[in-house]
PDB file of N, CA and C in Angstrom:
ATOM      1  N   UNK A   1      19.772  -4.712  11.548  1.00  0.00           N
ATOM      2  CA  UNK A   1      18.906  -4.092  10.552  1.00  0.00           C
ATOM      3  C   UNK A   1      17.778  -5.078  10.220  1.00  0.00           C
ATOM      4  N   UNK A   2      16.560  -4.627  10.419  1.00  0.00           N
ATOM      5  CA  UNK A   2      15.405  -5.472  10.136  1.00  0.00           C
ATOM      6  C   UNK A   2      14.989  -5.328   8.683  1.00  0.00           C
ATOM      7  N   UNK A   3      14.516  -6.445   8.116  1.00  0.00           N
ATOM      8  CA  UNK A   3      13.999  -6.428   6.752  1.00  0.00           C
ATOM      9  C   UNK A   3      12.791  -7.363   6.675  1.00  0.00           C
ATOM     10  N   UNK A   4      11.739  -6.889   6.019  1.00  0.00           N
ATOM     11  CA  UNK A   4      10.529  -7.687   5.824  1.00  0.00           C
ATOM     12  C   UNK A   4      10.264  -7.866   4.347  1.00  0.00           C
ATOM     13  N   UNK A   5       9.816  -9.044   3.963  1.00  0.00           N
ATOM     14  CA  UNK A   5       9.365  -9.329   2.607  1.00  0.00           C
ATOM     15  C   UNK A   5       7.914  -9.774   2.699  1.00  0.00           C
ATOM     16  N   UNK A   6       7.037  -9.022   2.057  1.00  0.00           N
ATOM     17  CA  UNK A   6       5.604  -9.268   2.161  1.00  0.00           C
ATOM     18  C   UNK A   6       4.983  -9.378   0.776  1.00  0.00           C
ATOM     19  N   UNK A   7       3.980 -10.209   0.661  1.00  0.00           N
ATOM     20  CA  UNK A   7       3.179 -10.278  -0.559  1.00  0.00           C
ATOM     21  C   UNK A   7       1.766  -9.876  -0.184  1.00  0.00           C
ATOM     22  N   UNK A   8       1.263  -8.856  -0.885  1.00  0.00           N
ATOM     23  CA  UNK A   8      -0.059  -8.319  -0.577  1.00  0.00           C
ATOM     24  C   UNK A   8      -0.901  -8.278  -1.854  1.00  0.00           C
ATOM     25  N   UNK A   9      -2.210  -8.139  -1.709  1.00  0.00           N
ATOM     26  CA  UNK A   9      -3.072  -8.092  -2.901  1.00  0.00           C
ATOM     27  C   UNK A   9      -2.765  -6.891  -3.795  1.00  0.00           C
ATOM     28  N   UNK A  10      -3.238  -6.979  -5.025  1.00  0.00           N
ATOM     29  CA  UNK A  10      -3.097  -5.904  -6.004  1.00  0.00           C
ATOM     30  C   UNK A  10      -3.772  -4.641  -5.464  1.00  0.00           C
ATOM     31  N   UNK A  11      -3.034  -3.531  -5.375  1.00  0.00           N
ATOM     32  CA  UNK A  11      -3.608  -2.312  -4.781  1.00  0.00           C
ATOM     33  C   UNK A  11      -4.534  -1.555  -5.727  1.00  0.00           C
ATOM     34  N   UNK A  12      -5.558  -0.916  -5.169  1.00  0.00           N
ATOM     35  CA  UNK A  12      -6.419  -0.063  -5.991  1.00  0.00           C
ATOM     36  C   UNK A  12      -5.676   1.215  -6.368  1.00  0.00           C
ATOM     37  N   UNK A  13      -6.115   1.863  -7.416  1.00  0.00           N
ATOM     38  CA  UNK A  13      -5.524   3.122  -7.822  1.00  0.00           C
ATOM     39  C   UNK A  13      -5.966   4.231  -6.871  1.00  0.00           C
ATOM     40  N   UNK A  14      -5.125   5.217  -6.699  1.00  0.00           N
ATOM     41  CA  UNK A  14      -5.468   6.349  -5.839  1.00  0.00           C
ATOM     42  C   UNK A  14      -6.689   7.093  -6.401  1.00  0.00           C
ATOM     43  N   UNK A  15      -6.951   6.943  -7.703  1.00  0.00           N
ATOM     44  CA  UNK A  15      -8.116   7.586  -8.321  1.00  0.00           C
ATOM     45  C   UNK A  15      -9.434   7.062  -7.749  1.00  0.00           C
ATOM     46  N   UNK A  16      -9.425   5.849  -7.195  1.00  0.00           N
ATOM     47  CA  UNK A  16     -10.641   5.289  -6.597  1.00  0.00           C
ATOM     48  C   UNK A  16     -10.511   5.128  -5.091  1.00  0.00           C
ATOM     49  N   UNK A  17      -9.427   5.601  -4.510  1.00  0.00           N
ATOM     50  CA  UNK A  17      -9.126   5.379  -3.100  1.00  0.00           C
ATOM     51  C   UNK A  17      -9.922   6.298  -2.172  1.00  0.00           C
ATOM     52  N   UNK A  18     -10.185   7.503  -2.626  1.00  0.00           N
ATOM     53  CA  UNK A  18     -10.898   8.489  -1.808  1.00  0.00           C
ATOM     54  C   UNK A  18     -12.220   8.859  -2.453  1.00  0.00           C
ATOM     55  N   UNK A  19     -13.163   9.299  -1.639  1.00  0.00           N
ATOM     56  CA  UNK A  19     -14.445   9.809  -2.094  1.00  0.00           C
ATOM     57  C   UNK A  19     -14.710  11.126  -1.390  1.00  0.00           C
ATOM     58  N   UNK A  20     -15.218  12.084  -2.136  1.00  0.00           N
ATOM     59  CA  UNK A  20     -15.601  13.370  -1.551  1.00  0.00           C
ATOM     60  C   UNK A  20     -17.069  13.289  -1.142  1.00  0.00           C
ATOM     61  N   UNK A  21     -17.356  13.757   0.056  1.00  0.00           N
ATOM     62  CA  UNK A  21     -18.745  13.818   0.510  1.00  0.00           C
ATOM     63  C   UNK A  21     -19.014  15.209   1.057  1.00  0.00           C
ATOM     64  N   UNK A  22     -20.252  15.616   0.981  1.00  0.00           N
ATOM     65  CA  UNK A  22     -20.650  16.914   1.515  1.00  0.00           C
ATOM     66  C   UNK A  22     -21.176  16.742   2.928  1.00  0.00           C
ATOM     67  N   UNK A  23     -20.703  17.615   3.797  1.00  0.00           N
ATOM     68  CA  UNK A  23     -21.184  17.654   5.178  1.00  0.00           C
ATOM     69  C   UNK A  23     -21.615  19.080   5.453  1.00  0.00           C
ATOM     70  N   UNK A  24     -22.868  19.319   5.184  1.00  0.00           N
ATOM     71  CA  UNK A  24     -23.362  20.687   5.317  1.00  0.00           C
ATOM     72  C   UNK A  24     -22.780  21.548   4.224  1.00  0.00           C
ATOM     73  N   UNK A  25     -22.150  22.630   4.611  1.00  0.00           N
ATOM     74  CA  UNK A  25     -21.546  23.539   3.634  1.00  0.00           C
ATOM     75  C   UNK A  25     -20.122  23.130   3.252  1.00  0.00           C
ATOM     76  N   UNK A  26     -19.630  22.081   3.870  1.00  0.00           N
ATOM     77  CA  UNK A  26     -18.244  21.692   3.648  1.00  0.00           C
ATOM     78  C   UNK A  26     -18.164  20.330   2.963  1.00  0.00           C
ATOM     79  N   UNK A  27     -17.139  20.149   2.169  1.00  0.00           N
ATOM     80  CA  UNK A  27     -16.854  18.850   1.556  1.00  0.00           C
ATOM     81  C   UNK A  27     -15.642  18.257   2.265  1.00  0.00           C
ATOM     82  N   UNK A  28     -15.641  16.973   2.409  1.00  0.00           N
ATOM     83  CA  UNK A  28     -14.516  16.290   3.030  1.00  0.00           C
ATOM     84  C   UNK A  28     -14.221  15.020   2.249  1.00  0.00           C
ATOM     85  N   UNK A  29     -13.029  14.498   2.433  1.00  0.00           N
ATOM     86  CA  UNK A  29     -12.666  13.266   1.749  1.00  0.00           C
ATOM     87  C   UNK A  29     -12.657  12.123   2.744  1.00  0.00           C
ATOM     88  N   UNK A  30     -13.172  10.981   2.303  1.00  0.00           N
ATOM     89  CA  UNK A  30     -13.158   9.763   3.104  1.00  0.00           C
ATOM     90  C   UNK A  30     -12.596   8.640   2.252  1.00  0.00           C
ATOM     91  N   UNK A  31     -12.191   7.574   2.917  1.00  0.00           N
ATOM     92  CA  UNK A  31     -11.750   6.397   2.174  1.00  0.00           C
ATOM     93  C   UNK A  31     -12.947   5.745   1.510  1.00  0.00           C
ATOM     94  N   UNK A  32     -12.764   5.321   0.287  1.00  0.00           N
ATOM     95  CA  UNK A  32     -13.835   4.633  -0.437  1.00  0.00           C
ATOM     96  C   UNK A  32     -14.036   3.234   0.156  1.00  0.00           C
ATOM     97  N   UNK A  33     -15.138   2.623  -0.204  1.00  0.00           N
ATOM     98  CA  UNK A  33     -15.414   1.254   0.224  1.00  0.00           C
ATOM     99  C   UNK A  33     -14.309   0.316  -0.260  1.00  0.00           C
ATOM    100  N   UNK A  34     -13.855   0.544  -1.491  1.00  0.00           N
ATOM    101  CA  UNK A  34     -12.770  -0.263  -2.066  1.00  0.00           C
ATOM    102  C   UNK A  34     -11.484  -0.118  -1.240  1.00  0.00           C
ATOM    103  N   UNK A  35     -11.191   1.093  -0.795  1.00  0.00           N
ATOM    104  CA  UNK A  35      -9.987   1.338   0.007  1.00  0.00           C
ATOM    105  C   UNK A  35     -10.094   0.664   1.373  1.00  0.00           C
ATOM    106  N   UNK A  36     -11.242   0.770   2.001  1.00  0.00           N
ATOM    107  CA  UNK A  36     -11.441   0.138   3.311  1.00  0.00           C
ATOM    108  C   UNK A  36     -11.310  -1.382   3.206  1.00  0.00           C
ATOM    109  N   UNK A  37     -11.851  -1.956   2.131  1.00  0.00           N
ATOM    110  CA  UNK A  37     -11.740  -3.397   1.929  1.00  0.00           C
ATOM    111  C   UNK A  37     -10.289  -3.792   1.668  1.00  0.00           C
ATOM    112  N   UNK A  38      -9.571  -2.986   0.893  1.00  0.00           N
ATOM    113  CA  UNK A  38      -8.172  -3.290   0.607  1.00  0.00           C
ATOM    114  C   UNK A  38      -7.352  -3.314   1.900  1.00  0.00           C
ATOM    115  N   UNK A  39      -7.580  -2.355   2.786  1.00  0.00           N
ATOM    116  CA  UNK A  39      -6.860  -2.339   4.064  1.00  0.00           C
ATOM    117  C   UNK A  39      -7.110  -3.624   4.849  1.00  0.00           C
ATOM    118  N   UNK A  40      -8.343  -4.095   4.852  1.00  0.00           N
ATOM    119  CA  UNK A  40      -8.665  -5.350   5.545  1.00  0.00           C
ATOM    120  C   UNK A  40      -7.950  -6.529   4.888  1.00  0.00           C
ATOM    121  N   UNK A  41      -7.937  -6.551   3.552  1.00  0.00           N
ATOM    122  CA  UNK A  41      -7.275  -7.639   2.829  1.00  0.00           C
ATOM    123  C   UNK A  41      -5.777  -7.666   3.106  1.00  0.00           C
ATOM    124  N   UNK A  42      -5.149  -6.491   3.149  1.00  0.00           N
ATOM    125  CA  UNK A  42      -3.710  -6.416   3.445  1.00  0.00           C
ATOM    126  C   UNK A  42      -3.445  -6.894   4.868  1.00  0.00           C
ATOM    127  N   UNK A  43      -4.249  -6.455   5.808  1.00  0.00           N
ATOM    128  CA  UNK A  43      -4.076  -6.874   7.198  1.00  0.00           C
ATOM    129  C   UNK A  43      -4.128  -8.397   7.313  1.00  0.00           C
ATOM    130  N   UNK A  44      -5.083  -9.016   6.609  1.00  0.00           N
ATOM    131  CA  UNK A  44      -5.186 -10.481   6.622  1.00  0.00           C
ATOM    132  C   UNK A  44      -3.953 -11.136   5.994  1.00  0.00           C
ATOM    133  N   UNK A  45      -3.385 -10.506   4.983  1.00  0.00           N
ATOM    134  CA  UNK A  45      -2.293 -11.154   4.245  1.00  0.00           C
ATOM    135  C   UNK A  45      -0.927 -11.002   4.917  1.00  0.00           C
ATOM    136  N   UNK A  46      -0.720  -9.997   5.757  1.00  0.00           N
ATOM    137  CA  UNK A  46       0.622  -9.797   6.317  1.00  0.00           C
ATOM    138  C   UNK A  46       0.837 -10.558   7.617  1.00  0.00           C
ATOM    139  N   UNK A  47      -0.053 -10.468   8.566  1.00  0.00           N
ATOM    140  CA  UNK A  47       0.034 -11.221   9.816  1.00  0.00           C
ATOM    141  C   UNK A  47       1.453 -11.266  10.391  1.00  0.00           C
ATOM    142  N   UNK A  48       2.089 -10.111  10.543  1.00  0.00           N
ATOM    143  CA  UNK A  48       3.427 -10.027  11.118  1.00  0.00           C
ATOM    144  C   UNK A  48       3.289  -9.593  12.570  1.00  0.00           C
ATOM    145  N   UNK A  49       3.925 -10.308  13.476  1.00  0.00           N
ATOM    146  CA  UNK A  49       3.811  -9.993  14.892  1.00  0.00           C
ATOM    147  C   UNK A  49       5.123  -9.495  15.484  1.00  0.00           C
ATOM    148  N   UNK A  50       5.879  -8.739  14.725  1.00  0.00           N
ATOM    149  CA  UNK A  50       7.165  -8.234  15.201  1.00  0.00           C
ATOM    150  C   UNK A  50       7.040  -6.898  15.917  1.00  0.00           C
ATOM    151  N   UNK A  51       5.884  -6.297  15.852  1.00  0.00           N
ATOM    152  CA  UNK A  51       5.738  -4.926  16.333  1.00  0.00           C
ATOM    153  C   UNK A  51       6.155  -3.999  15.216  1.00  0.00           C
ATOM    154  N   UNK A  52       5.761  -2.745  15.302  1.00  0.00           N
ATOM    155  CA  UNK A  52       6.062  -1.828  14.197  1.00  0.00           C
ATOM    156  C   UNK A  52       7.553  -1.496  14.106  1.00  0.00           C
ATOM    157  N   UNK A  53       8.020  -1.337  12.872  1.00  0.00           N
ATOM    158  CA  UNK A  53       9.373  -0.846  12.644  1.00  0.00           C
ATOM    159  C   UNK A  53       9.395   0.624  13.048  1.00  0.00           C
ATOM    160  N   UNK A  54      10.435   1.047  13.759  1.00  0.00           N
ATOM    161  CA  UNK A  54      10.451   2.404  14.304  1.00  0.00           C
ATOM    162  C   UNK A  54      11.517   3.305  13.695  1.00  0.00           C
ATOM    163  N   UNK A  55      12.428   2.748  12.909  1.00  0.00           N
ATOM    164  CA  UNK A  55      13.514   3.546  12.336  1.00  0.00           C
ATOM    165  C   UNK A  55      13.166   4.125  10.975  1.00  0.00           C
ATOM    166  N   UNK A  56      14.170   4.676  10.324  1.00  0.00           N
ATOM    167  CA  UNK A  56      14.035   5.176   8.955  1.00  0.00           C
ATOM    168  C   UNK A  56      13.966   3.968   8.031  1.00  0.00           C
ATOM    169  N   UNK A  57      13.183   4.075   6.951  1.00  0.00           N
ATOM    170  CA  UNK A  57      12.893   2.906   6.130  1.00  0.00           C
ATOM    171  C   UNK A  57      13.182   3.115   4.648  1.00  0.00           C
ATOM    172  N   UNK A  58      13.523   2.007   3.997  1.00  0.00           N
ATOM    173  CA  UNK A  58      13.587   1.925   2.535  1.00  0.00           C
ATOM    174  C   UNK A  58      12.475   0.974   2.120  1.00  0.00           C
ATOM    175  N   UNK A  59      11.623   1.415   1.193  1.00  0.00           N
ATOM    176  CA  UNK A  59      10.491   0.622   0.733  1.00  0.00           C
ATOM    177  C   UNK A  59      10.655   0.350  -0.749  1.00  0.00           C
ATOM    178  N   UNK A  60      10.597  -0.920  -1.119  1.00  0.00           N
ATOM    179  CA  UNK A  60      10.628  -1.321  -2.515  1.00  0.00           C
ATOM    180  C   UNK A  60       9.345  -2.081  -2.807  1.00  0.00           C
ATOM    181  N   UNK A  61       8.646  -1.657  -3.865  1.00  0.00           N
ATOM    182  CA  UNK A  61       7.372  -2.274  -4.241  1.00  0.00           C
ATOM    183  C   UNK A  61       7.518  -2.851  -5.645  1.00  0.00           C
ATOM    184  N   UNK A  62       7.226  -4.133  -5.780  1.00  0.00           N
ATOM    185  CA  UNK A  62       7.225  -4.818  -7.073  1.00  0.00           C
ATOM    186  C   UNK A  62       5.767  -5.068  -7.443  1.00  0.00           C
ATOM    187  N   UNK A  63       5.273  -4.338  -8.425  1.00  0.00           N
ATOM    188  CA  UNK A  63       3.878  -4.441  -8.840  1.00  0.00           C
ATOM    189  C   UNK A  63       3.723  -5.453  -9.970  1.00  0.00           C
ATOM    190  N   UNK A  64       2.901  -6.447  -9.730  1.00  0.00           N
ATOM    191  CA  UNK A  64       2.579  -7.458 -10.731  1.00  0.00           C
ATOM    192  C   UNK A  64       1.125  -7.241 -11.142  1.00  0.00           C
ATOM    193  N   UNK A  65       0.900  -6.503 -12.239  1.00  0.00           N
ATOM    194  CA  UNK A  65      -0.473  -6.184 -12.641  1.00  0.00           C
ATOM    195  C   UNK A  65      -1.265  -7.439 -12.997  1.00  0.00           C
ATOM    196  N   UNK A  66      -2.605  -7.345 -12.873  1.00  0.00           N
ATOM    197  CA  UNK A  66      -3.441  -8.491 -13.214  1.00  0.00           C
ATOM    198  C   UNK A  66      -3.714  -8.629 -14.710  1.00  0.00           C
ATOM    199  N   UNK A  67      -3.529  -7.546 -15.464  1.00  0.00           N
ATOM    200  CA  UNK A  67      -3.821  -7.564 -16.908  1.00  0.00           C
ATOM    201  C   UNK A  67      -2.799  -6.701 -17.641  1.00  0.00           C
ATOM    202  N   UNK A  68      -2.935  -6.656 -18.973  1.00  0.00           N
ATOM    203  CA  UNK A  68      -2.063  -5.832 -19.806  1.00  0.00           C
ATOM    204  C   UNK A  68      -2.503  -4.374 -19.874  1.00  0.00           C
ATOM    205  N   UNK A  69      -3.598  -4.013 -19.232  1.00  0.00           N
ATOM    206  CA  UNK A  69      -4.082  -2.627 -19.284  1.00  0.00           C
ATOM    207  C   UNK A  69      -3.012  -1.657 -18.799  1.00  0.00           C
ATOM    208  N   UNK A  70      -3.031  -0.460 -19.353  1.00  0.00           N
ATOM    209  CA  UNK A  70      -2.087   0.568 -18.921  1.00  0.00           C
ATOM    210  C   UNK A  70      -2.369   0.949 -17.471  1.00  0.00           C
ATOM    211  N   UNK A  71      -1.303   1.106 -16.712  1.00  0.00           N
ATOM    212  CA  UNK A  71      -1.435   1.577 -15.333  1.00  0.00           C
ATOM    213  C   UNK A  71      -0.356   2.616 -15.062  1.00  0.00           C
ATOM    214  N   UNK A  72      -0.662   3.523 -14.159  1.00  0.00           N
ATOM    215  CA  UNK A  72       0.338   4.441 -13.631  1.00  0.00           C
ATOM    216  C   UNK A  72       0.814   3.849 -12.309  1.00  0.00           C
ATOM    217  N   UNK A  73       2.061   3.415 -12.272  1.00  0.00           N
ATOM    218  CA  UNK A  73       2.522   2.711 -11.076  1.00  0.00           C
ATOM    219  C   UNK A  73       2.503   3.608  -9.837  1.00  0.00           C
ATOM    220  N   UNK A  74       2.693   4.910 -10.026  1.00  0.00           N
ATOM    221  CA  UNK A  74       2.692   5.790  -8.859  1.00  0.00           C
ATOM    222  C   UNK A  74       1.310   5.912  -8.225  1.00  0.00           C
ATOM    223  N   UNK A  75       0.242   5.608  -8.960  1.00  0.00           N
ATOM    224  CA  UNK A  75      -1.114   5.670  -8.417  1.00  0.00           C
ATOM    225  C   UNK A  75      -1.407   4.512  -7.468  1.00  0.00           C
ATOM    226  N   UNK A  76      -0.536   3.545  -7.371  1.00  0.00           N
ATOM    227  CA  UNK A  76      -0.750   2.381  -6.504  1.00  0.00           C
ATOM    228  C   UNK A  76      -0.004   2.499  -5.175  1.00  0.00           C
ATOM    229  N   UNK A  77       0.953   3.404  -5.110  1.00  0.00           N
ATOM    230  CA  UNK A  77       1.843   3.493  -3.955  1.00  0.00           C
ATOM    231  C   UNK A  77       1.107   3.899  -2.675  1.00  0.00           C
ATOM    232  N   UNK A  78       0.242   4.888  -2.744  1.00  0.00           N
ATOM    233  CA  UNK A  78      -0.436   5.391  -1.541  1.00  0.00           C
ATOM    234  C   UNK A  78      -1.267   4.309  -0.873  1.00  0.00           C
ATOM    235  N   UNK A  79      -1.961   3.500  -1.662  1.00  0.00           N
ATOM    236  CA  UNK A  79      -2.766   2.413  -1.094  1.00  0.00           C
ATOM    237  C   UNK A  79      -1.876   1.411  -0.359  1.00  0.00           C
ATOM    238  N   UNK A  80      -0.723   1.097  -0.936  1.00  0.00           N
ATOM    239  CA  UNK A  80       0.210   0.174  -0.296  1.00  0.00           C
ATOM    240  C   UNK A  80       0.709   0.764   1.018  1.00  0.00           C
ATOM    241  N   UNK A  81       1.160   2.008   0.986  1.00  0.00           N
ATOM    242  CA  UNK A  81       1.701   2.640   2.196  1.00  0.00           C
ATOM    243  C   UNK A  81       0.648   2.761   3.296  1.00  0.00           C
ATOM    244  N   UNK A  82      -0.522   3.254   2.963  1.00  0.00           N
ATOM    245  CA  UNK A  82      -1.580   3.418   3.968  1.00  0.00           C
ATOM    246  C   UNK A  82      -1.988   2.085   4.581  1.00  0.00           C
ATOM    247  N   UNK A  83      -2.077   1.065   3.764  1.00  0.00           N
ATOM    248  CA  UNK A  83      -2.504  -0.241   4.256  1.00  0.00           C
ATOM    249  C   UNK A  83      -1.453  -0.885   5.154  1.00  0.00           C
ATOM    250  N   UNK A  84      -0.189  -0.710   4.819  1.00  0.00           N
ATOM    251  CA  UNK A  84       0.866  -1.262   5.670  1.00  0.00           C
ATOM    252  C   UNK A  84       0.986  -0.483   6.975  1.00  0.00           C
ATOM    253  N   UNK A  85       0.687   0.810   6.936  1.00  0.00           N
ATOM    254  CA  UNK A  85       0.633   1.592   8.176  1.00  0.00           C
ATOM    255  C   UNK A  85      -0.495   1.061   9.059  1.00  0.00           C
ATOM    256  N   UNK A  86      -1.678   0.885   8.475  1.00  0.00           N
ATOM    257  CA  UNK A  86      -2.832   0.382   9.230  1.00  0.00           C
ATOM    258  C   UNK A  86      -2.581  -1.022   9.774  1.00  0.00           C
ATOM    259  N   UNK A  87      -1.774  -1.813   9.068  1.00  0.00           N
ATOM    260  CA  UNK A  87      -1.463  -3.179   9.507  1.00  0.00           C
ATOM    261  C   UNK A  87      -0.380  -3.207  10.590  1.00  0.00           C
ATOM    262  N   UNK A  88       0.192  -2.048  10.913  1.00  0.00           N
ATOM    263  CA  UNK A  88       1.180  -1.976  11.985  1.00  0.00           C
ATOM    264  C   UNK A  88       2.586  -2.371  11.583  1.00  0.00           C
ATOM    265  N   UNK A  89       2.891  -2.350  10.292  1.00  0.00           N
ATOM    266  CA  UNK A  89       4.244  -2.691   9.842  1.00  0.00           C
ATOM    267  C   UNK A  89       5.239  -1.631  10.283  1.00  0.00           C
ATOM    268  N   UNK A  90       4.831  -0.370  10.234  1.00  0.00           N
ATOM    269  CA  UNK A  90       5.629   0.758  10.734  1.00  0.00           C
ATOM    270  C   UNK A  90       4.686   1.699  11.454  1.00  0.00           C
ATOM    271  N   UNK A  91       5.252   2.715  12.102  1.00  0.00           N
ATOM    272  CA  UNK A  91       4.424   3.668  12.842  1.00  0.00           C
ATOM    273  C   UNK A  91       3.686   4.618  11.912  1.00  0.00           C
ATOM    274  N   UNK A  92       4.404   5.123  10.897  1.00  0.00           N
ATOM    275  CA  UNK A  92       3.825   6.094   9.974  1.00  0.00           C
ATOM    276  C   UNK A  92       4.629   6.067   8.686  1.00  0.00           C
ATOM    277  N   UNK A  93       3.963   6.299   7.556  1.00  0.00           N
ATOM    278  CA  UNK A  93       4.693   6.240   6.287  1.00  0.00           C
ATOM    279  C   UNK A  93       5.652   7.421   6.102  1.00  0.00           C
ATOM    280  N   UNK A  94       5.652   8.374   7.017  1.00  0.00           N
ATOM    281  CA  UNK A  94       6.659   9.441   6.972  1.00  0.00           C
ATOM    282  C   UNK A  94       8.053   8.915   7.327  1.00  0.00           C
ATOM    283  N   UNK A  95       8.146   7.691   7.825  1.00  0.00           N
ATOM    284  CA  UNK A  95       9.436   7.067   8.117  1.00  0.00           C
ATOM    285  C   UNK A  95      10.188   6.657   6.851  1.00  0.00           C
ATOM    286  N   UNK A  96       9.499   6.620   5.717  1.00  0.00           N
ATOM    287  CA  UNK A  96      10.096   6.137   4.474  1.00  0.00           C
ATOM    288  C   UNK A  96      10.979   7.217   3.862  1.00  0.00           C
ATOM    289  N   UNK A  97      12.268   6.923   3.778  1.00  0.00           N
ATOM    290  CA  UNK A  97      13.241   7.842   3.179  1.00  0.00           C
ATOM    291  C   UNK A  97      13.601   7.440   1.752  1.00  0.00           C
ATOM    292  N   UNK A  98      13.454   6.167   1.443  1.00  0.00           N
ATOM    293  CA  UNK A  98      13.760   5.670   0.107  1.00  0.00           C
ATOM    294  C   UNK A  98      12.551   4.899  -0.404  1.00  0.00           C
ATOM    295  N   UNK A  99      12.165   5.194  -1.642  1.00  0.00           N
ATOM    296  CA  UNK A  99      11.013   4.534  -2.235  1.00  0.00           C
ATOM    297  C   UNK A  99      11.346   4.162  -3.672  1.00  0.00           C
ATOM    298  N   UNK A 100      11.215   2.873  -3.986  1.00  0.00           N
ATOM    299  CA  UNK A 100      11.458   2.381  -5.335  1.00  0.00           C
ATOM    300  C   UNK A 100      10.265   1.527  -5.737  1.00  0.00           C
ATOM    301  N   UNK A 101       9.771   1.751  -6.957  1.00  0.00           N
ATOM    302  CA  UNK A 101       8.616   1.005  -7.450  1.00  0.00           C
ATOM    303  C   UNK A 101       8.966   0.420  -8.813  1.00  0.00           C
ATOM    304  N   UNK A 102       8.674  -0.870  -8.982  1.00  0.00           N
ATOM    305  CA  UNK A 102       8.937  -1.552 -10.238  1.00  0.00           C
ATOM    306  C   UNK A 102       7.641  -2.124 -10.809  1.00  0.00           C
ATOM    307  N   UNK A 103       7.490  -2.019 -12.117  1.00  0.00           N
ATOM    308  CA  UNK A 103       6.421  -2.729 -12.823  1.00  0.00           C
ATOM    309  C   UNK A 103       7.018  -4.082 -13.225  1.00  0.00           C
ATOM    310  N   UNK A 104       6.340  -5.156 -12.865  1.00  0.00           N
ATOM    311  CA  UNK A 104       6.856  -6.497 -13.112  1.00  0.00           C
ATOM    312  C   UNK A 104       5.908  -7.274 -14.013  1.00  0.00           C
ATOM    313  N   UNK A 105       6.160  -8.554 -14.152  1.00  0.00           N
ATOM    314  CA  UNK A 105       5.355  -9.421 -15.009  1.00  0.00           C
ATOM    315  C   UNK A 105       3.899  -9.461 -14.561  1.00  0.00           C
ATOM    316  N   UNK A 106       3.032  -9.684 -15.511  1.00  0.00           N
ATOM    317  CA  UNK A 106       1.610  -9.838 -15.245  1.00  0.00           C
ATOM    318  C   UNK A 106       1.390 -11.171 -14.536  1.00  0.00           C
ATOM    319  N   UNK A 107       0.572 -11.124 -13.478  1.00  0.00           N
ATOM    320  CA  UNK A 107       0.192 -12.326 -12.741  1.00  0.00           C
ATOM    321  C   UNK A 107      -1.322 -12.304 -12.597  1.00  0.00           C
ATOM    322  N   UNK A 108      -1.969 -13.401 -12.889  1.00  0.00           N
ATOM    323  CA  UNK A 108      -3.430 -13.466 -12.792  1.00  0.00           C
ATOM    324  C   UNK A 108      -3.870 -13.017 -11.393  1.00  0.00           C
ATOM    325  N   UNK A 109      -4.778 -12.058 -11.358  1.00  0.00           N
ATOM    326  CA  UNK A 109      -5.260 -11.513 -10.089  1.00  0.00           C
ATOM    327  C   UNK A 109      -4.420 -10.360  -9.582  1.00  0.00           C
ATOM    328  N   UNK A 110      -3.173 -10.277 -10.024  1.00  0.00           N
ATOM    329  CA  UNK A 110      -2.265  -9.217  -9.605  1.00  0.00           C
ATOM    330  C   UNK A 110      -1.813  -9.376  -8.168  1.00  0.00           C
ATOM    331  N   UNK A 111      -0.699  -8.761  -7.855  1.00  0.00           N
ATOM    332  CA  UNK A 111      -0.198  -8.737  -6.478  1.00  0.00           C
ATOM    333  C   UNK A 111       0.901  -7.689  -6.386  1.00  0.00           C
ATOM    334  N   UNK A 112       1.253  -7.361  -5.166  1.00  0.00           N
ATOM    335  CA  UNK A 112       2.394  -6.484  -4.910  1.00  0.00           C
ATOM    336  C   UNK A 112       3.314  -7.211  -3.948  1.00  0.00           C
ATOM    337  N   UNK A 113       4.582  -7.272  -4.290  1.00  0.00           N
ATOM    338  CA  UNK A 113       5.591  -7.812  -3.408  1.00  0.00           C
ATOM    339  C   UNK A 113       6.328  -6.612  -2.829  1.00  0.00           C
ATOM    340  N   UNK A 114       6.405  -6.570  -1.509  1.00  0.00           N
ATOM    341  CA  UNK A 114       6.930  -5.396  -0.822  1.00  0.00           C
ATOM    342  C   UNK A 114       8.121  -5.800   0.038  1.00  0.00           C
ATOM    343  N   UNK A 115       9.186  -5.023  -0.090  1.00  0.00           N
ATOM    344  CA  UNK A 115      10.358  -5.214   0.757  1.00  0.00           C
ATOM    345  C   UNK A 115      10.529  -3.939   1.581  1.00  0.00           C
ATOM    346  N   UNK A 116      10.591  -4.116   2.892  1.00  0.00           N
ATOM    347  CA  UNK A 116      10.760  -3.004   3.821  1.00  0.00           C
ATOM    348  C   UNK A 116      12.040  -3.257   4.587  1.00  0.00           C
ATOM    349  N   UNK A 117      12.925  -2.267   4.600  1.00  0.00           N
ATOM    350  CA  UNK A 117      14.210  -2.438   5.274  1.00  0.00           C
ATOM    351  C   UNK A 117      14.506  -1.210   6.123  1.00  0.00           C
ATOM    352  N   UNK A 118      14.925  -1.440   7.353  1.00  0.00           N
ATOM    353  CA  UNK A 118      15.380  -0.324   8.186  1.00  0.00           C
ATOM    354  C   UNK A 118      16.746   0.116   7.675  1.00  0.00           C
ATOM    355  N   UNK A 119      16.936   1.440   7.561  1.00  0.00           N
ATOM    356  CA  UNK A 119      18.226   1.961   7.082  1.00  0.00           C
ATOM    357  C   UNK A 119      18.869   2.861   8.121  1.00  0.00           C
TER     358      UNK A 119
END
C-alpha cells in the first residue's frame, strides 16, 4: 500500500478558481490566472517521481490558513485535487473514495498538508 505525505501552498478558493468568458453566443468556463499559477506552484512543491498512483485512494487534507479570516474549507478542496492531478500524483481525482478535510492552526502564508493513501 503506497502512501504519500505532501506539503503544498495554501489553495485558492473555488470562488476565484474559474472565470466565465464569452465565445460568440456561448459562455464557457476557464481556469483563472490564480488557478493556473497555483497549479504551477504545486507542481514545483511536490516533485514526486514515483509515477501516478493507479488504485483507489483516501485523501486527507490538513488546511493551515494564513489568517484568522473565515473560510469555507470545502471551497479549497477542488484546487488541491486538480493541482495534484496535474502534478501526476494520481491519474484522475475520480480515484478518491475517501476524503477528509481538517481546519488546523494558522500558519503565516498558509499551507496544506496532504496525505494520499492507496486503499
